Amino acid sequence: MSISVNYIRQLIIKVACDTTGDSVEELIGRGRLEIPPRDAIEFMVRLEALFDCTLGCLRYEPLSIEIDEFSAIVNNALNVRVSTASTFCCSSTSRGAASVR
């Protein structure tokens, strides 16, 4: 399963707006995530839960990053997870282990 970077970007914007109360127009107009420390942790927890992955950014500090750059980071994290899962599934079935569907 592959999720497009554009879809990831839209989800990041939605979660950021839900967390900070900013409007979508404001956030897109800035082109950057500018999230204070307290909200940054909640934002990252929500994203990690949504994408079921670990992004390694749970720190009590402001989050300031271009939306497109952050979308690429999330996309890379998801691709690593998917390729690791694919490798595991392929290697398991090649040894004759039952696959779960």
PDB file of N, CA and C in Angstrom:
ATOM      1  N   MET A   1       0.838  -1.167   0.000  1.00  0.00           N
ATOM      2  CA  MET A   1       0.000   0.000   0.000  1.00  0.00           C
ATOM      3  C   MET A   1       0.892   1.242   0.000  1.00  0.00           C
ATOM      4  N   SER A   2       0.565   2.169  -0.862  1.00  0.00           N
ATOM      5  CA  SER A   2       1.357   3.381  -0.961  1.00  0.00           C
ATOM      6  C   SER A   2       0.443   4.595  -0.798  1.00  0.00           C
ATOM      7  N   ILE A   3       0.887   5.539  -0.005  1.00  0.00           N
ATOM      8  CA  ILE A   3       0.133   6.774   0.204  1.00  0.00           C
ATOM      9  C   ILE A   3       0.894   7.888  -0.495  1.00  0.00           C
ATOM     10  N   SER A   4       0.197   8.699  -1.279  1.00  0.00           N
ATOM     11  CA  SER A   4       0.867   9.769  -2.013  1.00  0.00           C
ATOM     12  C   SER A   4       1.352  10.861  -1.056  1.00  0.00           C
ATOM     13  N   VAL A   5       2.398  11.536  -1.469  1.00  0.00           N
ATOM     14  CA  VAL A   5       2.954  12.629  -0.660  1.00  0.00           C
ATOM     15  C   VAL A   5       1.912  13.737  -0.508  1.00  0.00           C
ATOM     16  N   ASN A   6       1.109  13.970  -1.543  1.00  0.00           N
ATOM     17  CA  ASN A   6       0.072  14.997  -1.466  1.00  0.00           C
ATOM     18  C   ASN A   6      -0.972  14.649  -0.403  1.00  0.00           C
ATOM     19  N   TYR A   7      -1.355  13.378  -0.331  1.00  0.00           N
ATOM     20  CA  TYR A   7      -2.321  12.946   0.681  1.00  0.00           C
ATOM     21  C   TYR A   7      -1.715  13.086   2.082  1.00  0.00           C
ATOM     22  N   ILE A   8      -0.458  12.713   2.216  1.00  0.00           N
ATOM     23  CA  ILE A   8       0.246  12.876   3.495  1.00  0.00           C
ATOM     24  C   ILE A   8       0.254  14.351   3.886  1.00  0.00           C
ATOM     25  N   ARG A   9       0.538  15.220   2.927  1.00  0.00           N
ATOM     26  CA  ARG A   9       0.570  16.673   3.168  1.00  0.00           C
ATOM     27  C   ARG A   9      -0.790  17.161   3.669  1.00  0.00           C
ATOM     28  N   GLN A  10      -1.870  16.698   3.030  1.00  0.00           N
ATOM     29  CA  GLN A  10      -3.216  17.102   3.442  1.00  0.00           C
ATOM     30  C   GLN A  10      -3.520  16.646   4.870  1.00  0.00           C
ATOM     31  N   LEU A  11      -3.116  15.431   5.205  1.00  0.00           N
ATOM     32  CA  LEU A  11      -3.347  14.928   6.562  1.00  0.00           C
ATOM     33  C   LEU A  11      -2.527  15.706   7.592  1.00  0.00           C
ATOM     34  N   ILE A  12      -1.291  16.059   7.235  1.00  0.00           N
ATOM     35  CA  ILE A  12      -0.449  16.863   8.129  1.00  0.00           C
ATOM     36  C   ILE A  12      -1.120  18.209   8.397  1.00  0.00           C
ATOM     37  N   ILE A  13      -1.625  18.844   7.353  1.00  0.00           N
ATOM     38  CA  ILE A  13      -2.297  20.139   7.496  1.00  0.00           C
ATOM     39  C   ILE A  13      -3.533  19.994   8.378  1.00  0.00           C
ATOM     40  N   LYS A  14      -4.322  18.960   8.156  1.00  0.00           N
ATOM     41  CA  LYS A  14      -5.533  18.736   8.972  1.00  0.00           C
ATOM     42  C   LYS A  14      -5.179  18.558  10.445  1.00  0.00           C
ATOM     43  N   VAL A  15      -4.208  17.693  10.727  1.00  0.00           N
ATOM     44  CA  VAL A  15      -3.827  17.438  12.120  1.00  0.00           C
ATOM     45  C   VAL A  15      -3.245  18.705  12.751  1.00  0.00           C
ATOM     46  N   ALA A  16      -2.443  19.449  11.996  1.00  0.00           N
ATOM     47  CA  ALA A  16      -1.871  20.695  12.524  1.00  0.00           C
ATOM     48  C   ALA A  16      -2.977  21.694  12.861  1.00  0.00           C
ATOM     49  N   CYS A  17      -3.953  21.832  11.983  1.00  0.00           N
ATOM     50  CA  CYS A  17      -5.059  22.762  12.241  1.00  0.00           C
ATOM     51  C   CYS A  17      -5.902  22.305  13.425  1.00  0.00           C
ATOM     52  N   ASP A  18      -6.168  21.011  13.516  1.00  0.00           N
ATOM     53  CA  ASP A  18      -6.929  20.476  14.652  1.00  0.00           C
ATOM     54  C   ASP A  18      -6.186  20.693  15.968  1.00  0.00           C
ATOM     55  N   THR A  19      -4.870  20.621  15.924  1.00  0.00           N
ATOM     56  CA  THR A  19      -4.063  20.750  17.140  1.00  0.00           C
ATOM     57  C   THR A  19      -3.899  22.204  17.570  1.00  0.00           C
ATOM     58  N   THR A  20      -3.636  23.083  16.615  1.00  0.00           N
ATOM     59  CA  THR A  20      -3.315  24.475  16.951  1.00  0.00           C
ATOM     60  C   THR A  20      -4.497  25.430  16.865  1.00  0.00           C
ATOM     61  N   GLY A  21      -5.526  25.046  16.133  1.00  0.00           N
ATOM     62  CA  GLY A  21      -6.659  25.945  15.927  1.00  0.00           C
ATOM     63  C   GLY A  21      -6.464  26.894  14.763  1.00  0.00           C
ATOM     64  N   ASP A  22      -5.327  26.823  14.081  1.00  0.00           N
ATOM     65  CA  ASP A  22      -5.096  27.645  12.892  1.00  0.00           C
ATOM     66  C   ASP A  22      -6.062  27.227  11.790  1.00  0.00           C
ATOM     67  N   SER A  23      -6.361  28.163  10.901  1.00  0.00           N
ATOM     68  CA  SER A  23      -7.194  27.819   9.751  1.00  0.00           C
ATOM     69  C   SER A  23      -6.306  27.198   8.669  1.00  0.00           C
ATOM     70  N   VAL A  24      -6.927  26.418   7.812  1.00  0.00           N
ATOM     71  CA  VAL A  24      -6.198  25.791   6.705  1.00  0.00           C
ATOM     72  C   VAL A  24      -5.555  26.866   5.837  1.00  0.00           C
ATOM     73  N   GLU A  25      -6.303  27.927   5.564  1.00  0.00           N
ATOM     74  CA  GLU A  25      -5.793  29.008   4.712  1.00  0.00           C
ATOM     75  C   GLU A  25      -4.551  29.655   5.315  1.00  0.00           C
ATOM     76  N   GLU A  26      -4.595  29.884   6.638  1.00  0.00           N
ATOM     77  CA  GLU A  26      -3.441  30.456   7.346  1.00  0.00           C
ATOM     78  C   GLU A  26      -2.208  29.574   7.189  1.00  0.00           C
ATOM     79  N   LEU A  27      -2.408  28.293   7.453  1.00  0.00           N
ATOM     80  CA  LEU A  27      -1.294  27.347   7.425  1.00  0.00           C
ATOM     81  C   LEU A  27      -0.709  27.216   6.023  1.00  0.00           C
ATOM     82  N   ILE A  28      -1.566  27.071   5.036  1.00  0.00           N
ATOM     83  CA  ILE A  28      -1.090  26.951   3.653  1.00  0.00           C
ATOM     84  C   ILE A  28      -0.423  28.250   3.218  1.00  0.00           C
ATOM     85  N   GLY A  29      -0.980  29.383   3.642  1.00  0.00           N
ATOM     86  CA  GLY A  29      -0.392  30.686   3.315  1.00  0.00           C
ATOM     87  C   GLY A  29       1.030  30.828   3.843  1.00  0.00           C
ATOM     88  N   ARG A  30       1.258  30.334   5.063  1.00  0.00           N
ATOM     89  CA  ARG A  30       2.611  30.366   5.643  1.00  0.00           C
ATOM     90  C   ARG A  30       3.523  29.366   4.951  1.00  0.00           C
ATOM     91  N   GLY A  31       2.952  28.219   4.598  1.00  0.00           N
ATOM     92  CA  GLY A  31       3.762  27.163   3.977  1.00  0.00           C
ATOM     93  C   GLY A  31       4.656  26.431   4.967  1.00  0.00           C
ATOM     94  N   ARG A  32       4.506  26.757   6.228  1.00  0.00           N
ATOM     95  CA  ARG A  32       5.341  26.174   7.289  1.00  0.00           C
ATOM     96  C   ARG A  32       4.473  25.735   8.453  1.00  0.00           C
ATOM     97  N   LEU A  33       4.956  24.724   9.125  1.00  0.00           N
ATOM     98  CA  LEU A  33       4.386  24.361  10.412  1.00  0.00           C
ATOM     99  C   LEU A  33       5.108  25.204  11.447  1.00  0.00           C
ATOM    100  N   GLU A  34       4.374  25.966  12.211  1.00  0.00           N
ATOM    101  CA  GLU A  34       4.926  26.773  13.311  1.00  0.00           C
ATOM    102  C   GLU A  34       4.121  26.382  14.544  1.00  0.00           C
ATOM    103  N   ILE A  35       4.561  25.343  15.228  1.00  0.00           N
ATOM    104  CA  ILE A  35       3.781  24.779  16.326  1.00  0.00           C
ATOM    105  C   ILE A  35       4.557  24.932  17.631  1.00  0.00           C
ATOM    106  N   PRO A  36       3.926  25.560  18.642  1.00  0.00           N
ATOM    107  CA  PRO A  36       4.608  25.742  19.930  1.00  0.00           C
ATOM    108  C   PRO A  36       4.867  24.401  20.623  1.00  0.00           C
ATOM    109  N   PRO A  37       5.810  24.373  21.572  1.00  0.00           N
ATOM    110  CA  PRO A  37       6.231  23.110  22.204  1.00  0.00           C
ATOM    111  C   PRO A  37       5.093  22.237  22.731  1.00  0.00           C
ATOM    112  N   ARG A  38       4.185  22.834  23.460  1.00  0.00           N
ATOM    113  CA  ARG A  38       3.105  22.041  24.061  1.00  0.00           C
ATOM    114  C   ARG A  38       2.247  21.363  22.991  1.00  0.00           C
ATOM    115  N   ASP A  39       1.916  22.109  21.947  1.00  0.00           N
ATOM    116  CA  ASP A  39       1.111  21.552  20.863  1.00  0.00           C
ATOM    117  C   ASP A  39       1.920  20.617  19.972  1.00  0.00           C
ATOM    118  N   ALA A  40       3.233  20.833  19.897  1.00  0.00           N
ATOM    119  CA  ALA A  40       4.077  20.007  19.020  1.00  0.00           C
ATOM    120  C   ALA A  40       4.039  18.539  19.440  1.00  0.00           C
ATOM    121  N   ILE A  41       4.052  18.288  20.733  1.00  0.00           N
ATOM    122  CA  ILE A  41       4.002  16.900  21.210  1.00  0.00           C
ATOM    123  C   ILE A  41       2.665  16.272  20.841  1.00  0.00           C
ATOM    124  N   GLU A  42       1.574  16.984  21.087  1.00  0.00           N
ATOM    125  CA  GLU A  42       0.247  16.456  20.735  1.00  0.00           C
ATOM    126  C   GLU A  42       0.148  16.217  19.228  1.00  0.00           C
ATOM    127  N   PHE A  43       0.668  17.148  18.436  1.00  0.00           N
ATOM    128  CA  PHE A  43       0.661  17.024  16.975  1.00  0.00           C
ATOM    129  C   PHE A  43       1.394  15.759  16.536  1.00  0.00           C
ATOM    130  N   MET A  44       2.587  15.540  17.081  1.00  0.00           N
ATOM    131  CA  MET A  44       3.373  14.367  16.688  1.00  0.00           C
ATOM    132  C   MET A  44       2.700  13.068  17.133  1.00  0.00           C
ATOM    133  N   VAL A  45       2.132  13.046  18.322  1.00  0.00           N
ATOM    134  CA  VAL A  45       1.440  11.847  18.805  1.00  0.00           C
ATOM    135  C   VAL A  45       0.264  11.525  17.889  1.00  0.00           C
ATOM    136  N   ARG A  46      -0.492  12.547  17.515  1.00  0.00           N
ATOM    137  CA  ARG A  46      -1.626  12.328  16.601  1.00  0.00           C
ATOM    138  C   ARG A  46      -1.161  11.790  15.251  1.00  0.00           C
ATOM    139  N   LEU A  47      -0.093  12.377  14.709  1.00  0.00           N
ATOM    140  CA  LEU A  47       0.411  11.907  13.410  1.00  0.00           C
ATOM    141  C   LEU A  47       0.913  10.475  13.491  1.00  0.00           C
ATOM    142  N   GLU A  48       1.683  10.174  14.525  1.00  0.00           N
ATOM    143  CA  GLU A  48       2.202   8.812  14.677  1.00  0.00           C
ATOM    144  C   GLU A  48       1.063   7.808  14.815  1.00  0.00           C
ATOM    145  N   ALA A  49       0.008   8.179  15.525  1.00  0.00           N
ATOM    146  CA  ALA A  49      -1.147   7.286  15.664  1.00  0.00           C
ATOM    147  C   ALA A  49      -1.878   7.139  14.330  1.00  0.00           C
ATOM    148  N   LEU A  50      -2.026   8.225  13.617  1.00  0.00           N
ATOM    149  CA  LEU A  50      -2.719   8.209  12.333  1.00  0.00           C
ATOM    150  C   LEU A  50      -2.000   7.334  11.316  1.00  0.00           C
ATOM    151  N   PHE A  51      -0.683   7.495  11.229  1.00  0.00           N
ATOM    152  CA  PHE A  51       0.099   6.750  10.241  1.00  0.00           C
ATOM    153  C   PHE A  51       0.650   5.436  10.789  1.00  0.00           C
ATOM    154  N   ASP A  52       0.446   5.187  12.077  1.00  0.00           N
ATOM    155  CA  ASP A  52       0.949   3.977  12.727  1.00  0.00           C
ATOM    156  C   ASP A  52       2.447   3.809  12.470  1.00  0.00           C
ATOM    157  N   CYS A  53       3.189   4.863  12.790  1.00  0.00           N
ATOM    158  CA  CYS A  53       4.645   4.821  12.630  1.00  0.00           C
ATOM    159  C   CYS A  53       5.290   5.712  13.689  1.00  0.00           C
ATOM    160  N   THR A  54       6.585   5.563  13.855  1.00  0.00           N
ATOM    161  CA  THR A  54       7.338   6.392  14.785  1.00  0.00           C
ATOM    162  C   THR A  54       8.163   7.383  13.979  1.00  0.00           C
ATOM    163  N   LEU A  55       8.005   8.653  14.281  1.00  0.00           N
ATOM    164  CA  LEU A  55       8.734   9.689  13.555  1.00  0.00           C
ATOM    165  C   LEU A  55       9.928  10.206  14.341  1.00  0.00           C
ATOM    166  N   GLY A  56      10.006   9.891  15.619  1.00  0.00           N
ATOM    167  CA  GLY A  56      11.159  10.272  16.431  1.00  0.00           C
ATOM    168  C   GLY A  56      11.264  11.752  16.721  1.00  0.00           C
ATOM    169  N   CYS A  57      10.142  12.441  16.786  1.00  0.00           N
ATOM    170  CA  CYS A  57      10.171  13.891  17.009  1.00  0.00           C
ATOM    171  C   CYS A  57       9.425  14.306  18.268  1.00  0.00           C
ATOM    172  N   LEU A  58       9.311  13.425  19.241  1.00  0.00           N
ATOM    173  CA  LEU A  58       8.570  13.756  20.462  1.00  0.00           C
ATOM    174  C   LEU A  58       9.476  14.485  21.447  1.00  0.00           C
ATOM    175  N   ARG A  59       9.617  15.790  21.237  1.00  0.00           N
ATOM    176  CA  ARG A  59      10.431  16.614  22.117  1.00  0.00           C
ATOM    177  C   ARG A  59       9.625  17.840  22.514  1.00  0.00           C
ATOM    178  N   TYR A  60       9.854  18.307  23.716  1.00  0.00           N
ATOM    179  CA  TYR A  60       9.177  19.522  24.159  1.00  0.00           C
ATOM    180  C   TYR A  60       9.955  20.720  23.633  1.00  0.00           C
ATOM    181  N   GLU A  61       9.713  21.029  22.380  1.00  0.00           N
ATOM    182  CA  GLU A  61      10.328  22.182  21.732  1.00  0.00           C
ATOM    183  C   GLU A  61       9.442  22.587  20.569  1.00  0.00           C
ATOM    184  N   PRO A  62       9.564  23.832  20.123  1.00  0.00           N
ATOM    185  CA  PRO A  62       8.725  24.263  19.003  1.00  0.00           C
ATOM    186  C   PRO A  62       9.046  23.456  17.743  1.00  0.00           C
ATOM    187  N   LEU A  63       8.041  23.269  16.927  1.00  0.00           N
ATOM    188  CA  LEU A  63       8.234  22.603  15.644  1.00  0.00           C
ATOM    189  C   LEU A  63       8.097  23.663  14.568  1.00  0.00           C
ATOM    190  N   SER A  64       9.155  23.889  13.823  1.00  0.00           N
ATOM    191  CA  SER A  64       9.146  24.877  12.756  1.00  0.00           C
ATOM    192  C   SER A  64       9.811  24.253  11.537  1.00  0.00           C
ATOM    193  N   ILE A  65       8.987  23.929  10.534  1.00  0.00           N
ATOM    194  CA  ILE A  65       9.506  23.251   9.353  1.00  0.00           C
ATOM    195  C   ILE A  65       8.562  23.501   8.179  1.00  0.00           C
ATOM    196  N   GLU A  66       9.121  23.526   6.977  1.00  0.00           N
ATOM    197  CA  GLU A  66       8.301  23.653   5.773  1.00  0.00           C
ATOM    198  C   GLU A  66       7.359  22.460   5.683  1.00  0.00           C
ATOM    199  N   ILE A  67       6.121  22.700   5.284  1.00  0.00           N
ATOM    200  CA  ILE A  67       5.137  21.621   5.183  1.00  0.00           C
ATOM    201  C   ILE A  67       5.604  20.556   4.194  1.00  0.00           C
ATOM    202  N   ASP A  68       6.111  20.975   3.040  1.00  0.00           N
ATOM    203  CA  ASP A  68       6.553  20.010   2.028  1.00  0.00           C
ATOM    204  C   ASP A  68       7.736  19.177   2.523  1.00  0.00           C
ATOM    205  N   GLU A  69       8.652  19.813   3.243  1.00  0.00           N
ATOM    206  CA  GLU A  69       9.802  19.086   3.792  1.00  0.00           C
ATOM    207  C   GLU A  69       9.340  18.048   4.816  1.00  0.00           C
ATOM    208  N   PHE A  70       8.397  18.442   5.670  1.00  0.00           N
ATOM    209  CA  PHE A  70       7.890  17.511   6.676  1.00  0.00           C
ATOM    210  C   PHE A  70       7.097  16.379   6.019  1.00  0.00           C
ATOM    211  N   SER A  71       6.364  16.688   4.956  1.00  0.00           N
ATOM    212  CA  SER A  71       5.635  15.650   4.212  1.00  0.00           C
ATOM    213  C   SER A  71       6.601  14.606   3.673  1.00  0.00           C
ATOM    214  N   ALA A  72       7.742  15.053   3.170  1.00  0.00           N
ATOM    215  CA  ALA A  72       8.756  14.123   2.652  1.00  0.00           C
ATOM    216  C   ALA A  72       9.322  13.255   3.774  1.00  0.00           C
ATOM    217  N   ILE A  73       9.529  13.828   4.953  1.00  0.00           N
ATOM    218  CA  ILE A  73      10.037  13.059   6.098  1.00  0.00           C
ATOM    219  C   ILE A  73       9.049  11.963   6.479  1.00  0.00           C
ATOM    220  N   VAL A  74       7.767  12.321   6.570  1.00  0.00           N
ATOM    221  CA  VAL A  74       6.736  11.333   6.914  1.00  0.00           C
ATOM    222  C   VAL A  74       6.652  10.269   5.829  1.00  0.00           C
ATOM    223  N   ASN A  75       6.689  10.690   4.569  1.00  0.00           N
ATOM    224  CA  ASN A  75       6.641   9.739   3.456  1.00  0.00           C
ATOM    225  C   ASN A  75       7.798   8.746   3.534  1.00  0.00           C
ATOM    226  N   ASN A  76       8.995   9.241   3.813  1.00  0.00           N
ATOM    227  CA  ASN A  76      10.160   8.349   3.939  1.00  0.00           C
ATOM    228  C   ASN A  76       9.985   7.369   5.092  1.00  0.00           C
ATOM    229  N   ALA A  77       9.469   7.846   6.226  1.00  0.00           N
ATOM    230  CA  ALA A  77       9.246   6.966   7.381  1.00  0.00           C
ATOM    231  C   ALA A  77       8.242   5.878   7.035  1.00  0.00           C
ATOM    232  N   LEU A  78       7.199   6.242   6.303  1.00  0.00           N
ATOM    233  CA  LEU A  78       6.193   5.251   5.913  1.00  0.00           C
ATOM    234  C   LEU A  78       6.760   4.256   4.916  1.00  0.00           C
ATOM    235  N   ASN A  79       7.570   4.725   3.974  1.00  0.00           N
ATOM    236  CA  ASN A  79       8.158   3.824   2.977  1.00  0.00           C
ATOM    237  C   ASN A  79       9.119   2.838   3.609  1.00  0.00           C
ATOM    238  N   VAL A  80       9.886   3.274   4.597  1.00  0.00           N
ATOM    239  CA  VAL A  80      10.799   2.370   5.300  1.00  0.00           C
ATOM    240  C   VAL A  80       9.997   1.293   6.001  1.00  0.00           C
ATOM    241  N   ARG A  81       8.915   1.699   6.650  1.00  0.00           N
ATOM    242  CA  ARG A  81       8.077   0.737   7.364  1.00  0.00           C
ATOM    243  C   ARG A  81       7.449  -0.259   6.395  1.00  0.00           C
ATOM    244  N   VAL A  82       6.948   0.212   5.253  1.00  0.00           N
ATOM    245  CA  VAL A  82       6.316  -0.667   4.269  1.00  0.00           C
ATOM    246  C   VAL A  82       7.336  -1.611   3.663  1.00  0.00           C
ATOM    247  N   SER A  83       8.541  -1.114   3.325  1.00  0.00           N
ATOM    248  CA  SER A  83       9.547  -1.991   2.723  1.00  0.00           C
ATOM    249  C   SER A  83      10.052  -3.016   3.731  1.00  0.00           C
ATOM    250  N   THR A  84      10.146  -2.637   4.997  1.00  0.00           N
ATOM    251  CA  THR A  84      10.553  -3.588   6.033  1.00  0.00           C
ATOM    252  C   THR A  84       9.491  -4.667   6.200  1.00  0.00           C
ATOM    253  N   ALA A  85       8.231  -4.270   6.202  1.00  0.00           N
ATOM    254  CA  ALA A  85       7.138  -5.241   6.330  1.00  0.00           C
ATOM    255  C   ALA A  85       7.112  -6.164   5.123  1.00  0.00           C
ATOM    256  N   SER A  86       7.349  -5.624   3.927  1.00  0.00           N
ATOM    257  CA  SER A  86       7.369  -6.445   2.719  1.00  0.00           C
ATOM    258  C   SER A  86       8.506  -7.448   2.769  1.00  0.00           C
ATOM    259  N   THR A  87       9.663  -7.005   3.216  1.00  0.00           N
ATOM    260  CA  THR A  87      10.813  -7.892   3.327  1.00  0.00           C
ATOM    261  C   THR A  87      10.515  -9.008   4.315  1.00  0.00           C
ATOM    262  N   PHE A  88       9.916  -8.653   5.452  1.00  0.00           N
ATOM    263  CA  PHE A  88       9.586  -9.645   6.462  1.00  0.00           C
ATOM    264  C   PHE A  88       8.585 -10.654   5.909  1.00  0.00           C
ATOM    265  N   CYS A  89       7.539 -10.166   5.254  1.00  0.00           N
ATOM    266  CA  CYS A  89       6.510 -11.070   4.719  1.00  0.00           C
ATOM    267  C   CYS A  89       7.094 -11.988   3.656  1.00  0.00           C
ATOM    268  N   CYS A  90       7.900 -11.432   2.780  1.00  0.00           N
ATOM    269  CA  CYS A  90       8.486 -12.250   1.713  1.00  0.00           C
ATOM    270  C   CYS A  90       9.433 -13.290   2.285  1.00  0.00           C
ATOM    271  N   SER A  91      10.260 -12.898   3.245  1.00  0.00           N
ATOM    272  CA  SER A  91      11.214 -13.855   3.801  1.00  0.00           C
ATOM    273  C   SER A  91      10.492 -14.911   4.625  1.00  0.00           C
ATOM    274  N   SER A  92       9.384 -14.565   5.266  1.00  0.00           N
ATOM    275  CA  SER A  92       8.629 -15.540   6.054  1.00  0.00           C
ATOM    276  C   SER A  92       7.981 -16.575   5.160  1.00  0.00           C
ATOM    277  N   THR A  93       7.377 -16.112   4.063  1.00  0.00           N
ATOM    278  CA  THR A  93       6.677 -17.052   3.197  1.00  0.00           C
ATOM    279  C   THR A  93       7.658 -17.892   2.401  1.00  0.00           C
ATOM    280  N   SER A  94       8.847 -17.369   2.141  1.00  0.00           N
ATOM    281  CA  SER A  94       9.818 -18.158   1.381  1.00  0.00           C
ATOM    282  C   SER A  94      10.377 -19.307   2.209  1.00  0.00           C
ATOM    283  N   ARG A  95      10.286 -19.187   3.544  1.00  0.00           N
ATOM    284  CA  ARG A  95      10.751 -20.275   4.403  1.00  0.00           C
ATOM    285  C   ARG A  95       9.629 -21.257   4.708  1.00  0.00           C
ATOM    286  N   GLY A  96       8.466 -21.031   4.106  1.00  0.00           N
ATOM    287  CA  GLY A  96       7.364 -21.952   4.304  1.00  0.00           C
ATOM    288  C   GLY A  96       6.466 -21.591   5.468  1.00  0.00           C
ATOM    289  N   ALA A  97       6.639 -20.427   6.048  1.00  0.00           N
ATOM    290  CA  ALA A  97       5.773 -20.010   7.153  1.00  0.00           C
ATOM    291  C   ALA A  97       4.416 -19.598   6.599  1.00  0.00           C
ATOM    292  N   ALA A  98       3.402 -19.793   7.364  1.00  0.00           N
ATOM    293  CA  ALA A  98       2.060 -19.414   6.929  1.00  0.00           C
ATOM    294  C   ALA A  98       1.949 -17.898   6.914  1.00  0.00           C
ATOM    295  N   SER A  99       1.280 -17.380   5.904  1.00  0.00           N
ATOM    296  CA  SER A  99       1.088 -15.936   5.848  1.00  0.00           C
ATOM    297  C   SER A  99      -0.293 -15.602   6.385  1.00  0.00           C
ATOM    298  N   VAL A 100      -0.387 -14.471   7.052  1.00  0.00           N
ATOM    299  CA  VAL A 100      -1.646 -14.026   7.628  1.00  0.00           C
ATOM    300  C   VAL A 100      -2.225 -12.966   6.720  1.00  0.00           C
ATOM    301  N   ARG A 101      -3.470 -13.086   6.405  1.00  0.00           N
ATOM    302  CA  ARG A 101      -4.124 -12.095   5.534  1.00  0.00           C
ATOM    303  C   ARG A 101      -5.213 -11.398   6.279  1.00  0.00           C
TER     304      ARG A 101
END
